[in-house]
Amino acid sequence: MHAARARFLAEGVDGASLRTIARDAGTNIGMVFYYFPTKDDLFLAVVEEVYAQLLADVARSLEDDAPLRDRLKGAFVRLGRASDDELSVVRLVVREVLLSSERYARVFARMQRGHLALFVATIAEAVQAGDLDGSIAPPLLLIATFAMGAIPQLIRRAAGERAPFAGLPAPAPLADASLALLWRAIGPRERVPDRGTRMVRQAAKPTRRRVRSRG
C-alpha cells in the first residue's frame, strides 16, 4: 500500500505502472493483479487503509453520549490532527476524483456509507432533540456543519503557517470558534409566542393606576 500511495501521489493513478508499484513493494505483478485486478481497485484500497482508521475515530466522537457540541468538537479536532499519511490521501482523493467519474462514484459511495452516514444520523438526532434548527433542510444542515466545522480544520492542517491561514488557532480552540459560528447559523431557534399566547400574557400583566395628587 505504501508503494502504491507513493506512486499515485507522484504520478497519478493513470500515470502509475502496476509493474513499477510491484517492484517498489518487492513483489511480482501477478500478486498485485491477484488482489487488485485494476488500478482503481488498488487506489480504493490505498484510500481505505487510511480512511478506515480516521472513520473509526470520528465515529467514536459522534456516537458518544456527550452533548452534541462536545461530540462535534471531538470529530472536528480529530480532523485537525490528521496525520501526514491521512493528509496525503486527502490530497490524492481530491485530485483523482476530479479526473475520473468512475473513481468519484466509487469514492462517494464509500463516503455515503462512512462519515456522511455518521454526520447525517447525528444531525437527524439533533433536530429531533431540538438542538438544531429543524426548519432548515437537512442537506443544508450537513453542508453548514462541514463548511464551518470540518473544512477549517483541514485547511489549517494543510496550510500550516502559510498566509492567509497562519493565524488560525490550534484544533481545539478552532473547533470552539467554528461551533460558535455554526450555532449562530443552524442552532435552535428561539420560540416566538403565537398571537393567542401573547394576548394571554398581555392580559395577565398588572395594570398601573394613575394616582392624581390632591392639591
N, C-alpha and C. Protein backbone atom coordinates (compact mmCIF):
# COMPACT_ATOMS: atom_id res chain seq x y z
N MET A 1 0.82 -1.20 0.00
CA MET A 1 0.00 0.00 0.00
C MET A 1 0.86 1.27 0.00
N HIS A 2 1.94 1.22 0.76
CA HIS A 2 2.81 2.40 0.83
C HIS A 2 3.45 2.68 -0.54
N ALA A 3 3.85 1.62 -1.24
CA ALA A 3 4.45 1.79 -2.56
C ALA A 3 3.43 2.35 -3.54
N ALA A 4 2.21 1.85 -3.48
CA ALA A 4 1.16 2.33 -4.38
C ALA A 4 0.82 3.78 -4.08
N ARG A 5 0.70 4.13 -2.80
CA ARG A 5 0.38 5.50 -2.44
C ARG A 5 1.45 6.46 -2.93
N ALA A 6 2.70 6.09 -2.76
CA ALA A 6 3.80 6.96 -3.19
C ALA A 6 3.76 7.17 -4.70
N ARG A 7 3.53 6.11 -5.46
CA ARG A 7 3.47 6.24 -6.91
C ARG A 7 2.26 7.03 -7.37
N PHE A 8 1.11 6.78 -6.73
CA PHE A 8 -0.10 7.51 -7.10
C PHE A 8 0.06 9.00 -6.82
N LEU A 9 0.70 9.34 -5.70
CA LEU A 9 0.91 10.74 -5.38
C LEU A 9 1.87 11.40 -6.35
N ALA A 10 2.89 10.66 -6.74
CA ALA A 10 3.92 11.22 -7.62
C ALA A 10 3.49 11.27 -9.07
N GLU A 11 2.77 10.23 -9.54
CA GLU A 11 2.49 10.10 -10.97
C GLU A 11 1.00 10.08 -11.31
N GLY A 12 0.14 10.04 -10.29
CA GLY A 12 -1.29 9.92 -10.56
C GLY A 12 -1.65 8.46 -10.79
N VAL A 13 -2.92 8.14 -10.58
CA VAL A 13 -3.36 6.76 -10.76
C VAL A 13 -3.19 6.33 -12.22
N ASP A 14 -3.58 7.19 -13.14
CA ASP A 14 -3.47 6.84 -14.56
C ASP A 14 -2.02 6.72 -15.01
N GLY A 15 -1.14 7.54 -14.45
CA GLY A 15 0.25 7.52 -14.89
C GLY A 15 1.10 6.46 -14.23
N ALA A 16 0.66 5.94 -13.09
CA ALA A 16 1.47 4.95 -12.37
C ALA A 16 1.37 3.58 -13.03
N SER A 17 2.45 2.84 -12.96
CA SER A 17 2.50 1.49 -13.52
C SER A 17 2.39 0.45 -12.41
N LEU A 18 1.49 -0.51 -12.57
CA LEU A 18 1.37 -1.58 -11.58
C LEU A 18 2.65 -2.39 -11.48
N ARG A 19 3.34 -2.54 -12.60
CA ARG A 19 4.61 -3.28 -12.58
C ARG A 19 5.64 -2.55 -11.73
N THR A 20 5.70 -1.22 -11.88
CA THR A 20 6.62 -0.42 -11.08
C THR A 20 6.24 -0.48 -9.60
N ILE A 21 4.96 -0.40 -9.32
CA ILE A 21 4.49 -0.49 -7.93
C ILE A 21 4.87 -1.83 -7.32
N ALA A 22 4.70 -2.91 -8.11
CA ALA A 22 5.07 -4.24 -7.62
C ALA A 22 6.56 -4.31 -7.32
N ARG A 23 7.37 -3.72 -8.18
CA ARG A 23 8.81 -3.72 -7.96
C ARG A 23 9.16 -2.92 -6.71
N ASP A 24 8.54 -1.76 -6.53
CA ASP A 24 8.79 -0.93 -5.35
C ASP A 24 8.41 -1.67 -4.07
N ALA A 25 7.35 -2.49 -4.16
CA ALA A 25 6.87 -3.22 -2.98
C ALA A 25 7.62 -4.52 -2.75
N GLY A 26 8.52 -4.87 -3.66
CA GLY A 26 9.29 -6.10 -3.51
C GLY A 26 8.48 -7.36 -3.78
N THR A 27 7.50 -7.25 -4.70
CA THR A 27 6.70 -8.41 -5.06
C THR A 27 6.61 -8.49 -6.57
N ASN A 28 5.79 -9.41 -7.07
CA ASN A 28 5.67 -9.55 -8.52
C ASN A 28 4.30 -9.04 -8.98
N ILE A 29 4.21 -8.75 -10.27
CA ILE A 29 3.00 -8.17 -10.82
C ILE A 29 1.81 -9.11 -10.68
N GLY A 30 2.07 -10.41 -10.70
CA GLY A 30 0.99 -11.38 -10.56
C GLY A 30 0.28 -11.25 -9.22
N MET A 31 1.02 -11.03 -8.17
CA MET A 31 0.42 -10.88 -6.84
C MET A 31 -0.43 -9.61 -6.77
N VAL A 32 0.05 -8.55 -7.42
CA VAL A 32 -0.72 -7.31 -7.43
C VAL A 32 -2.05 -7.51 -8.14
N PHE A 33 -2.01 -8.16 -9.32
CA PHE A 33 -3.23 -8.41 -10.07
C PHE A 33 -4.17 -9.37 -9.33
N TYR A 34 -3.61 -10.26 -8.56
CA TYR A 34 -4.44 -11.23 -7.83
C TYR A 34 -5.34 -10.52 -6.82
N TYR A 35 -4.77 -9.56 -6.11
CA TYR A 35 -5.53 -8.86 -5.09
C TYR A 35 -6.25 -7.61 -5.64
N PHE A 36 -5.67 -7.00 -6.67
CA PHE A 36 -6.24 -5.76 -7.21
C PHE A 36 -6.27 -5.86 -8.74
N PRO A 37 -7.36 -6.33 -9.29
CA PRO A 37 -7.45 -6.55 -10.74
C PRO A 37 -7.24 -5.28 -11.57
N THR A 38 -7.60 -4.11 -11.01
CA THR A 38 -7.42 -2.85 -11.74
C THR A 38 -6.70 -1.83 -10.84
N LYS A 39 -6.19 -0.78 -11.46
CA LYS A 39 -5.55 0.26 -10.67
C LYS A 39 -6.55 1.01 -9.80
N ASP A 40 -7.77 1.10 -10.28
CA ASP A 40 -8.80 1.74 -9.46
C ASP A 40 -9.06 0.93 -8.19
N ASP A 41 -9.02 -0.40 -8.30
CA ASP A 41 -9.18 -1.24 -7.10
C ASP A 41 -8.04 -0.97 -6.12
N LEU A 42 -6.83 -0.85 -6.64
CA LEU A 42 -5.69 -0.57 -5.78
C LEU A 42 -5.79 0.83 -5.18
N PHE A 43 -6.22 1.78 -5.97
CA PHE A 43 -6.42 3.15 -5.48
C PHE A 43 -7.40 3.17 -4.30
N LEU A 44 -8.52 2.48 -4.44
CA LEU A 44 -9.52 2.44 -3.37
C LEU A 44 -8.97 1.74 -2.13
N ALA A 45 -8.14 0.74 -2.32
CA ALA A 45 -7.53 0.07 -1.17
C ALA A 45 -6.56 1.00 -0.45
N VAL A 46 -5.84 1.82 -1.20
CA VAL A 46 -4.94 2.81 -0.60
C VAL A 46 -5.74 3.81 0.23
N VAL A 47 -6.86 4.25 -0.31
CA VAL A 47 -7.72 5.19 0.42
C VAL A 47 -8.29 4.53 1.67
N GLU A 48 -8.77 3.30 1.53
CA GLU A 48 -9.42 2.62 2.64
C GLU A 48 -8.47 2.37 3.80
N GLU A 49 -7.21 2.09 3.50
CA GLU A 49 -6.25 1.81 4.55
C GLU A 49 -6.17 2.96 5.55
N VAL A 50 -6.23 4.19 5.06
CA VAL A 50 -6.15 5.36 5.93
C VAL A 50 -7.53 5.80 6.40
N TYR A 51 -8.50 5.74 5.50
CA TYR A 51 -9.85 6.22 5.80
C TYR A 51 -10.50 5.42 6.92
N ALA A 52 -10.28 4.13 6.96
CA ALA A 52 -10.94 3.27 7.96
C ALA A 52 -10.59 3.70 9.38
N GLN A 53 -9.34 4.02 9.64
CA GLN A 53 -8.94 4.44 10.98
C GLN A 53 -9.50 5.81 11.32
N LEU A 54 -9.44 6.73 10.36
CA LEU A 54 -10.00 8.06 10.58
C LEU A 54 -11.50 7.97 10.85
N LEU A 55 -12.18 7.13 10.09
CA LEU A 55 -13.62 6.95 10.27
C LEU A 55 -13.94 6.38 11.65
N ALA A 56 -13.15 5.43 12.10
CA ALA A 56 -13.38 4.83 13.42
C ALA A 56 -13.23 5.88 14.52
N ASP A 57 -12.25 6.77 14.39
CA ASP A 57 -12.03 7.80 15.40
C ASP A 57 -13.18 8.81 15.40
N VAL A 58 -13.64 9.21 14.21
CA VAL A 58 -14.76 10.15 14.12
C VAL A 58 -16.03 9.51 14.68
N ALA A 59 -16.22 8.23 14.40
CA ALA A 59 -17.40 7.52 14.90
C ALA A 59 -17.41 7.49 16.42
N ARG A 60 -16.26 7.28 17.03
CA ARG A 60 -16.20 7.27 18.49
C ARG A 60 -16.63 8.61 19.08
N SER A 61 -16.26 9.69 18.40
CA SER A 61 -16.64 11.02 18.88
C SER A 61 -18.14 11.26 18.71
N LEU A 62 -18.67 10.95 17.55
CA LEU A 62 -20.06 11.26 17.25
C LEU A 62 -21.04 10.33 17.96
N GLU A 63 -20.63 9.11 18.25
CA GLU A 63 -21.53 8.16 18.88
C GLU A 63 -21.42 8.17 20.40
N ASP A 64 -20.70 9.11 20.93
CA ASP A 64 -20.57 9.25 22.39
C ASP A 64 -21.89 9.75 22.99
N ASP A 65 -22.01 9.67 24.29
CA ASP A 65 -23.22 10.14 24.98
C ASP A 65 -23.12 11.60 25.42
N ALA A 66 -22.05 12.25 25.04
CA ALA A 66 -21.84 13.64 25.44
C ALA A 66 -22.82 14.56 24.71
N PRO A 67 -22.95 15.82 25.16
CA PRO A 67 -23.79 16.79 24.44
C PRO A 67 -23.32 16.96 22.99
N LEU A 68 -24.24 17.40 22.14
CA LEU A 68 -23.97 17.50 20.71
C LEU A 68 -22.73 18.32 20.40
N ARG A 69 -22.58 19.47 21.01
CA ARG A 69 -21.44 20.33 20.69
C ARG A 69 -20.12 19.64 21.06
N ASP A 70 -20.10 18.91 22.15
CA ASP A 70 -18.88 18.20 22.54
C ASP A 70 -18.55 17.09 21.53
N ARG A 71 -19.59 16.41 21.05
CA ARG A 71 -19.37 15.33 20.07
C ARG A 71 -18.84 15.88 18.76
N LEU A 72 -19.44 16.97 18.30
CA LEU A 72 -18.96 17.59 17.07
C LEU A 72 -17.54 18.13 17.25
N LYS A 73 -17.28 18.71 18.40
CA LYS A 73 -15.93 19.22 18.66
C LYS A 73 -14.90 18.10 18.58
N GLY A 74 -15.21 16.94 19.17
CA GLY A 74 -14.28 15.82 19.11
C GLY A 74 -14.00 15.39 17.69
N ALA A 75 -15.04 15.36 16.85
CA ALA A 75 -14.85 14.97 15.45
C ALA A 75 -14.02 16.00 14.71
N PHE A 76 -14.31 17.29 14.94
CA PHE A 76 -13.56 18.35 14.24
C PHE A 76 -12.09 18.35 14.66
N VAL A 77 -11.85 18.20 15.94
CA VAL A 77 -10.46 18.21 16.43
C VAL A 77 -9.69 17.03 15.85
N ARG A 78 -10.36 15.88 15.73
CA ARG A 78 -9.67 14.72 15.13
C ARG A 78 -9.26 15.01 13.69
N LEU A 79 -10.09 15.71 12.94
CA LEU A 79 -9.72 16.09 11.58
C LEU A 79 -8.55 17.06 11.59
N GLY A 80 -8.56 17.97 12.55
CA GLY A 80 -7.48 18.94 12.64
C GLY A 80 -6.15 18.34 13.03
N ARG A 81 -6.19 17.13 13.59
CA ARG A 81 -4.96 16.43 13.96
C ARG A 81 -4.63 15.30 13.00
N ALA A 82 -5.09 15.43 11.78
CA ALA A 82 -4.82 14.41 10.76
C ALA A 82 -3.32 14.20 10.60
N SER A 83 -2.94 12.94 10.43
CA SER A 83 -1.52 12.62 10.24
C SER A 83 -1.07 13.00 8.84
N ASP A 84 0.23 12.94 8.62
CA ASP A 84 0.76 13.22 7.28
C ASP A 84 0.22 12.23 6.26
N ASP A 85 0.11 10.96 6.64
CA ASP A 85 -0.44 9.96 5.72
C ASP A 85 -1.89 10.26 5.38
N GLU A 86 -2.66 10.64 6.39
CA GLU A 86 -4.07 10.97 6.15
C GLU A 86 -4.21 12.19 5.25
N LEU A 87 -3.37 13.18 5.48
CA LEU A 87 -3.43 14.39 4.66
C LEU A 87 -3.03 14.09 3.22
N SER A 88 -2.04 13.22 3.04
CA SER A 88 -1.63 12.88 1.67
C SER A 88 -2.73 12.14 0.93
N VAL A 89 -3.48 11.31 1.64
CA VAL A 89 -4.59 10.58 1.00
C VAL A 89 -5.73 11.54 0.67
N VAL A 90 -5.98 12.53 1.53
CA VAL A 90 -6.99 13.54 1.21
C VAL A 90 -6.62 14.25 -0.08
N ARG A 91 -5.36 14.65 -0.22
CA ARG A 91 -4.91 15.32 -1.44
C ARG A 91 -5.06 14.40 -2.65
N LEU A 92 -4.72 13.14 -2.46
CA LEU A 92 -4.82 12.17 -3.55
C LEU A 92 -6.27 12.01 -3.99
N VAL A 93 -7.18 11.89 -3.04
CA VAL A 93 -8.59 11.70 -3.37
C VAL A 93 -9.14 12.92 -4.10
N VAL A 94 -8.84 14.11 -3.59
CA VAL A 94 -9.34 15.34 -4.21
C VAL A 94 -8.89 15.41 -5.66
N ARG A 95 -7.64 15.09 -5.91
CA ARG A 95 -7.12 15.16 -7.28
C ARG A 95 -7.74 14.11 -8.18
N GLU A 96 -7.80 12.87 -7.72
CA GLU A 96 -8.22 11.77 -8.59
C GLU A 96 -9.72 11.76 -8.88
N VAL A 97 -10.55 12.17 -7.92
CA VAL A 97 -11.99 12.16 -8.19
C VAL A 97 -12.37 13.23 -9.21
N LEU A 98 -11.53 14.25 -9.37
CA LEU A 98 -11.78 15.27 -10.37
C LEU A 98 -11.39 14.80 -11.77
N LEU A 99 -10.56 13.75 -11.84
CA LEU A 99 -10.07 13.26 -13.12
C LEU A 99 -10.86 12.07 -13.67
N SER A 100 -11.59 11.40 -12.80
CA SER A 100 -12.28 10.17 -13.23
C SER A 100 -13.67 10.13 -12.59
N SER A 101 -14.70 10.07 -13.43
CA SER A 101 -16.07 9.99 -12.91
C SER A 101 -16.31 8.65 -12.21
N GLU A 102 -15.63 7.59 -12.68
CA GLU A 102 -15.79 6.29 -12.03
C GLU A 102 -15.19 6.30 -10.63
N ARG A 103 -14.00 6.88 -10.50
CA ARG A 103 -13.39 6.98 -9.17
C ARG A 103 -14.25 7.85 -8.26
N TYR A 104 -14.76 8.93 -8.80
CA TYR A 104 -15.63 9.79 -8.00
C TYR A 104 -16.83 9.01 -7.46
N ALA A 105 -17.46 8.24 -8.34
CA ALA A 105 -18.65 7.49 -7.94
C ALA A 105 -18.32 6.47 -6.85
N ARG A 106 -17.19 5.79 -6.99
CA ARG A 106 -16.84 4.75 -6.01
C ARG A 106 -16.41 5.36 -4.68
N VAL A 107 -15.66 6.46 -4.74
CA VAL A 107 -15.25 7.12 -3.50
C VAL A 107 -16.46 7.72 -2.80
N PHE A 108 -17.35 8.35 -3.56
CA PHE A 108 -18.53 8.96 -2.94
C PHE A 108 -19.43 7.90 -2.30
N ALA A 109 -19.56 6.76 -2.97
CA ALA A 109 -20.36 5.67 -2.40
C ALA A 109 -19.77 5.20 -1.08
N ARG A 110 -18.44 5.15 -1.01
CA ARG A 110 -17.80 4.75 0.26
C ARG A 110 -18.05 5.80 1.34
N MET A 111 -17.99 7.06 0.98
CA MET A 111 -18.24 8.11 1.96
C MET A 111 -19.69 8.12 2.43
N GLN A 112 -20.61 7.78 1.53
CA GLN A 112 -22.01 7.69 1.93
C GLN A 112 -22.21 6.64 3.02
N ARG A 113 -21.43 5.58 2.95
CA ARG A 113 -21.52 4.53 3.98
C ARG A 113 -20.66 4.87 5.19
N GLY A 114 -19.80 5.88 5.04
CA GLY A 114 -18.84 6.20 6.09
C GLY A 114 -19.20 7.46 6.85
N HIS A 115 -18.37 8.50 6.71
CA HIS A 115 -18.55 9.68 7.55
C HIS A 115 -19.83 10.44 7.22
N LEU A 116 -20.29 10.40 5.97
CA LEU A 116 -21.53 11.08 5.64
C LEU A 116 -22.70 10.48 6.43
N ALA A 117 -22.76 9.15 6.48
CA ALA A 117 -23.82 8.48 7.24
C ALA A 117 -23.75 8.85 8.72
N LEU A 118 -22.55 8.95 9.27
CA LEU A 118 -22.40 9.31 10.68
C LEU A 118 -22.92 10.71 10.96
N PHE A 119 -22.54 11.67 10.12
CA PHE A 119 -22.97 13.05 10.34
C PHE A 119 -24.46 13.22 10.07
N VAL A 120 -24.98 12.53 9.05
CA VAL A 120 -26.42 12.61 8.77
C VAL A 120 -27.22 12.11 9.97
N ALA A 121 -26.81 10.98 10.54
CA ALA A 121 -27.51 10.42 11.71
C ALA A 121 -27.41 11.36 12.91
N THR A 122 -26.23 11.94 13.11
CA THR A 122 -26.04 12.86 14.24
C THR A 122 -26.92 14.09 14.09
N ILE A 123 -26.99 14.64 12.89
CA ILE A 123 -27.80 15.83 12.65
C ILE A 123 -29.29 15.52 12.81
N ALA A 124 -29.73 14.37 12.29
CA ALA A 124 -31.14 13.99 12.43
C ALA A 124 -31.53 13.85 13.90
N GLU A 125 -30.67 13.25 14.67
CA GLU A 125 -30.91 13.09 16.11
C GLU A 125 -30.96 14.45 16.79
N ALA A 126 -30.08 15.36 16.39
CA ALA A 126 -30.03 16.69 17.00
C ALA A 126 -31.29 17.49 16.68
N VAL A 127 -31.80 17.36 15.46
CA VAL A 127 -33.04 18.06 15.09
C VAL A 127 -34.20 17.53 15.92
N GLN A 128 -34.26 16.21 16.07
CA GLN A 128 -35.33 15.60 16.87
C GLN A 128 -35.27 16.09 18.32
N ALA A 129 -34.08 16.26 18.84
CA ALA A 129 -33.92 16.69 20.23
C ALA A 129 -34.07 18.20 20.40
N GLY A 130 -34.19 18.93 19.29
CA GLY A 130 -34.31 20.38 19.37
C GLY A 130 -32.98 21.09 19.52
N ASP A 131 -31.88 20.39 19.26
CA ASP A 131 -30.56 21.00 19.40
C ASP A 131 -30.14 21.78 18.16
N LEU A 132 -30.81 21.53 17.03
CA LEU A 132 -30.54 22.26 15.79
C LEU A 132 -31.86 22.76 15.22
N ASP A 133 -31.76 23.75 14.35
CA ASP A 133 -32.94 24.38 13.76
C ASP A 133 -33.60 23.42 12.76
N GLY A 134 -34.73 22.87 13.13
CA GLY A 134 -35.43 21.93 12.28
C GLY A 134 -36.09 22.53 11.07
N SER A 135 -36.15 23.87 10.99
CA SER A 135 -36.76 24.49 9.81
C SER A 135 -35.80 24.53 8.62
N ILE A 136 -34.53 24.23 8.87
CA ILE A 136 -33.53 24.21 7.80
C ILE A 136 -33.48 22.82 7.19
N ALA A 137 -33.40 22.73 5.87
CA ALA A 137 -33.35 21.44 5.18
C ALA A 137 -32.14 20.64 5.65
N PRO A 138 -32.30 19.35 5.92
CA PRO A 138 -31.18 18.53 6.40
C PRO A 138 -29.92 18.61 5.54
N PRO A 139 -30.03 18.61 4.19
CA PRO A 139 -28.78 18.75 3.41
C PRO A 139 -28.03 20.04 3.70
N LEU A 140 -28.77 21.13 3.95
CA LEU A 140 -28.10 22.39 4.28
C LEU A 140 -27.47 22.34 5.66
N LEU A 141 -28.12 21.65 6.60
CA LEU A 141 -27.51 21.47 7.92
C LEU A 141 -26.19 20.71 7.79
N LEU A 142 -26.19 19.69 6.94
CA LEU A 142 -24.98 18.90 6.73
C LEU A 142 -23.88 19.74 6.08
N ILE A 143 -24.24 20.48 5.05
CA ILE A 143 -23.26 21.32 4.35
C ILE A 143 -22.68 22.37 5.31
N ALA A 144 -23.54 22.99 6.10
CA ALA A 144 -23.06 24.00 7.05
C ALA A 144 -22.11 23.39 8.07
N THR A 145 -22.42 22.19 8.53
CA THR A 145 -21.57 21.52 9.52
C THR A 145 -20.18 21.26 8.96
N PHE A 146 -20.12 20.78 7.71
CA PHE A 146 -18.82 20.53 7.09
C PHE A 146 -18.09 21.84 6.78
N ALA A 147 -18.84 22.80 6.22
CA ALA A 147 -18.20 24.04 5.79
C ALA A 147 -17.65 24.85 6.95
N MET A 148 -18.37 24.86 8.08
CA MET A 148 -17.95 25.70 9.20
C MET A 148 -17.20 24.95 10.28
N GLY A 149 -17.23 23.61 10.22
CA GLY A 149 -16.55 22.84 11.25
C GLY A 149 -15.40 21.99 10.76
N ALA A 150 -15.63 21.22 9.70
CA ALA A 150 -14.60 20.30 9.22
C ALA A 150 -13.58 20.98 8.31
N ILE A 151 -14.07 21.77 7.36
CA ILE A 151 -13.17 22.38 6.37
C ILE A 151 -12.13 23.29 7.02
N PRO A 152 -12.48 24.15 7.99
CA PRO A 152 -11.44 24.97 8.62
C PRO A 152 -10.32 24.15 9.24
N GLN A 153 -10.65 22.99 9.81
CA GLN A 153 -9.61 22.14 10.40
C GLN A 153 -8.67 21.60 9.33
N LEU A 154 -9.24 21.14 8.21
CA LEU A 154 -8.41 20.59 7.14
C LEU A 154 -7.56 21.67 6.48
N ILE A 155 -8.13 22.87 6.32
CA ILE A 155 -7.36 23.97 5.75
C ILE A 155 -6.20 24.33 6.67
N ARG A 156 -6.47 24.42 7.96
CA ARG A 156 -5.40 24.74 8.91
C ARG A 156 -4.31 23.69 8.86
N ARG A 157 -4.72 22.43 8.81
CA ARG A 157 -3.74 21.33 8.80
C ARG A 157 -2.92 21.33 7.52
N ALA A 158 -3.55 21.61 6.40
CA ALA A 158 -2.84 21.58 5.11
C ALA A 158 -2.00 22.83 4.88
N ALA A 159 -2.52 23.98 5.30
CA ALA A 159 -1.83 25.25 5.02
C ALA A 159 -0.70 25.52 6.01
N GLY A 160 -0.83 25.02 7.24
CA GLY A 160 0.21 25.29 8.23
C GLY A 160 0.33 26.77 8.52
N GLU A 161 1.52 27.29 8.40
CA GLU A 161 1.77 28.71 8.69
C GLU A 161 1.75 29.58 7.44
N ARG A 162 1.21 29.06 6.36
CA ARG A 162 1.15 29.85 5.13
C ARG A 162 0.01 30.87 5.21
N ALA A 163 0.28 32.07 4.67
CA ALA A 163 -0.74 33.10 4.60
C ALA A 163 -1.81 32.67 3.59
N PRO A 164 -3.06 33.04 3.82
CA PRO A 164 -3.58 33.89 4.90
C PRO A 164 -4.13 33.10 6.08
N PHE A 165 -3.72 31.83 6.21
CA PHE A 165 -4.31 30.98 7.25
C PHE A 165 -3.40 30.80 8.46
N ALA A 166 -2.30 31.55 8.51
CA ALA A 166 -1.34 31.37 9.59
C ALA A 166 -1.92 31.71 10.95
N GLY A 167 -2.94 32.56 10.98
CA GLY A 167 -3.50 32.98 12.26
C GLY A 167 -4.52 32.04 12.85
N LEU A 168 -4.83 30.95 12.16
CA LEU A 168 -5.82 30.02 12.71
C LEU A 168 -5.27 29.35 13.97
N PRO A 169 -6.11 29.23 15.01
CA PRO A 169 -5.63 28.63 16.27
C PRO A 169 -5.49 27.12 16.17
N ALA A 170 -5.06 26.50 17.24
CA ALA A 170 -4.90 25.05 17.32
C ALA A 170 -6.27 24.37 17.16
N PRO A 171 -6.28 23.05 16.90
CA PRO A 171 -7.55 22.37 16.61
C PRO A 171 -8.66 22.58 17.62
N ALA A 172 -8.37 22.50 18.93
CA ALA A 172 -9.43 22.62 19.93
C ALA A 172 -10.06 24.01 19.96
N PRO A 173 -9.26 25.09 20.10
CA PRO A 173 -9.90 26.42 20.08
C PRO A 173 -10.51 26.77 18.73
N LEU A 174 -9.95 26.24 17.65
CA LEU A 174 -10.54 26.46 16.33
C LEU A 174 -11.92 25.80 16.26
N ALA A 175 -12.03 24.60 16.84
CA ALA A 175 -13.33 23.93 16.88
C ALA A 175 -14.34 24.72 17.70
N ASP A 176 -13.90 25.29 18.83
CA ASP A 176 -14.80 26.10 19.65
C ASP A 176 -15.31 27.31 18.87
N ALA A 177 -14.39 27.98 18.17
CA ALA A 177 -14.79 29.16 17.39
C ALA A 177 -15.72 28.77 16.25
N SER A 178 -15.43 27.66 15.60
CA SER A 178 -16.27 27.19 14.49
C SER A 178 -17.67 26.83 14.98
N LEU A 179 -17.73 26.17 16.14
CA LEU A 179 -19.03 25.78 16.68
C LEU A 179 -19.86 26.99 17.10
N ALA A 180 -19.20 28.02 17.60
CA ALA A 180 -19.92 29.24 17.95
C ALA A 180 -20.57 29.85 16.71
N LEU A 181 -19.83 29.89 15.61
CA LEU A 181 -20.39 30.40 14.35
C LEU A 181 -21.48 29.48 13.83
N LEU A 182 -21.23 28.18 13.93
CA LEU A 182 -22.20 27.19 13.42
C LEU A 182 -23.53 27.31 14.16
N TRP A 183 -23.46 27.48 15.47
CA TRP A 183 -24.70 27.57 16.26
C TRP A 183 -25.48 28.83 15.94
N ARG A 184 -24.76 29.90 15.58
CA ARG A 184 -25.46 31.13 15.18
C ARG A 184 -26.21 30.91 13.87
N ALA A 185 -25.71 29.99 13.05
CA ALA A 185 -26.34 29.74 11.75
C ALA A 185 -27.44 28.70 11.81
N ILE A 186 -27.20 27.58 12.54
CA ILE A 186 -28.16 26.48 12.50
C ILE A 186 -28.59 26.00 13.88
N GLY A 187 -28.21 26.75 14.92
CA GLY A 187 -28.60 26.35 16.26
C GLY A 187 -30.11 26.47 16.47
N PRO A 188 -30.61 26.00 17.60
CA PRO A 188 -32.06 26.04 17.84
C PRO A 188 -32.59 27.46 17.83
N ARG A 189 -33.72 27.63 17.17
CA ARG A 189 -34.32 28.95 17.09
C ARG A 189 -35.11 29.23 18.36
N GLU A 190 -35.05 30.49 18.77
CA GLU A 190 -35.84 30.89 19.93
C GLU A 190 -37.31 30.91 19.55
N ARG A 191 -38.13 30.23 20.32
CA ARG A 191 -39.54 30.13 20.00
C ARG A 191 -40.24 31.47 20.24
N VAL A 192 -40.98 31.91 19.21
CA VAL A 192 -41.73 33.16 19.31
C VAL A 192 -43.18 32.81 19.65
N PRO A 193 -43.73 33.34 20.75
CA PRO A 193 -45.10 33.01 21.12
C PRO A 193 -46.10 33.41 20.02
N ASP A 194 -47.12 32.57 19.81
CA ASP A 194 -48.13 32.90 18.82
C ASP A 194 -49.02 34.04 19.34
N ARG A 195 -49.95 34.52 18.50
CA ARG A 195 -50.75 35.70 18.84
C ARG A 195 -51.61 35.45 20.08
N GLY A 196 -52.20 34.24 20.16
CA GLY A 196 -53.05 33.93 21.30
C GLY A 196 -52.28 33.95 22.60
N THR A 197 -51.07 33.39 22.58
CA THR A 197 -50.24 33.37 23.79
C THR A 197 -49.85 34.77 24.20
N ARG A 198 -49.53 35.61 23.22
CA ARG A 198 -49.15 36.99 23.53
C ARG A 198 -50.31 37.75 24.16
N MET A 199 -51.54 37.50 23.67
CA MET A 199 -52.70 38.18 24.21
C MET A 199 -52.95 37.77 25.67
N VAL A 200 -52.79 36.44 25.95
CA VAL A 200 -52.98 35.95 27.31
C VAL A 200 -51.96 36.57 28.24
N ARG A 201 -50.70 36.63 27.78
CA ARG A 201 -49.65 37.22 28.61
C ARG A 201 -49.92 38.71 28.85
N GLN A 202 -50.41 39.40 27.81
CA GLN A 202 -50.67 40.82 27.95
C GLN A 202 -51.79 41.08 28.95
N ALA A 203 -52.82 40.20 28.89
CA ALA A 203 -53.96 40.37 29.80
C ALA A 203 -53.57 40.09 31.25
N ALA A 204 -52.57 39.21 31.42
CA ALA A 204 -52.15 38.83 32.77
C ALA A 204 -51.26 39.87 33.43
N LYS A 205 -50.78 40.83 32.64
CA LYS A 205 -49.89 41.84 33.22
C LYS A 205 -50.68 42.76 34.12
N PRO A 206 -50.15 43.09 35.30
CA PRO A 206 -50.87 44.01 36.20
C PRO A 206 -50.92 45.42 35.61
N THR A 207 -52.06 46.06 35.77
CA THR A 207 -52.21 47.42 35.26
C THR A 207 -51.82 48.42 36.33
N ARG A 208 -51.27 49.50 35.87
CA ARG A 208 -50.86 50.55 36.81
C ARG A 208 -51.93 51.64 36.86
N ARG A 209 -52.32 52.00 38.06
CA ARG A 209 -53.28 53.08 38.23
C ARG A 209 -52.55 54.41 38.37
N ARG A 210 -53.12 55.36 37.72
CA ARG A 210 -52.57 56.70 37.88
C ARG A 210 -53.17 57.34 39.14
N VAL A 211 -52.31 57.79 39.99
CA VAL A 211 -52.77 58.44 41.22
C VAL A 211 -52.65 59.94 41.05
N ARG A 212 -53.80 60.62 41.16
CA ARG A 212 -53.78 62.06 41.00
C ARG A 212 -53.50 62.71 42.35
N SER A 213 -52.64 63.62 42.31
CA SER A 213 -52.31 64.33 43.55
C SER A 213 -53.40 65.34 43.87
N ARG A 214 -53.72 65.46 45.12
CA ARG A 214 -54.73 66.44 45.54
C ARG A 214 -54.02 67.70 46.05
N GLY A 215 -54.36 68.74 45.42
CA GLY A 215 -53.74 69.98 45.82
C GLY A 215 -54.59 70.76 46.77
